[in-house]
Amino acid sequence: MKHAMVILLIFLVVLDLCTACESESPSSVTSTSQTQVSSTSNKPSFFEDIGKPYQTLMSEHPTATFQINNSGFPDAASIGLGEPGAKYNYFLFGTQYFPSEQLTDDEKNQLKCAGISTTVGVLFPQKRDEMSLDAFFSAIGVSDYKYYDSEIEDCRQGWIEFTYDNMDVNIDTTKDSLASDDAFHAITTMKSAYPVIIIKNDIDDQNNSVIENATKRLNDMPLSSDDSNS
């Protein structure tokens, strides 16, 4: 996926995630041939929150909590902020490892909402509960997408990616495409319940840099006497 991952050096909890992603070949994806067309109609109100500082979101949503979604991406977790029981979370950054909540909170003045993690039906309210892939993409004004099918033998298998309003969108269909028999089953319809994440790349890149720099600063700090004696 086209997503910059943060490699953190301390306060890390290693996730059991796929690490076998390989380079993409033209024959390994199902893709339409036309150019993507943006659609700005019927956009949920949370689009207005993309770009807001993390601190502002915390003030506006005092009951929201630090969120880690281990399956936010094919090969990484997504870090964000969400209200209990809400239908969406605010996305901050993705990583193959994740920092402590305190480290993220320490950078709340620098981090911004880089996107939204939700489901297809919430992100695209114009969509019916179940539609053919062609009907779905026509309804949202998109004519170019990549579906990683059975020819891809890595962690991207079963994911769909495309561009919508100049943001990257990743849809996880693996609940249906990777069934319990471990065989790949190509989907032919788009369901409202599929998990999806939409990301504004320039903000995501800025957030990744903030976390990387914060980690480096912590690594450069001398150990306290208690730490050195432990």
Foldseek 3Di string as FASTA:
>chain_A
DPFDAFDFDPQWDADPAFDPDDDDDPVQKDKFDDAWFADDPPFDPCVVQFFAFLVVVCVVAVQKDWDWAQPQDLGWIWTFIGHVPDQKTFTFEIHSIDHDPVLVVVCRRQTGRFWMKGFQCVRRVQDDQKAFPVVVCVSRRTRIKIARDPSDDGSSHQWIWDAYPQKIKIWHRCPPQCDPVRHGDDDGMGGRGIIMIIGNRVSRVSSSVSSNVSSVVVVPDDDDPVVVVD
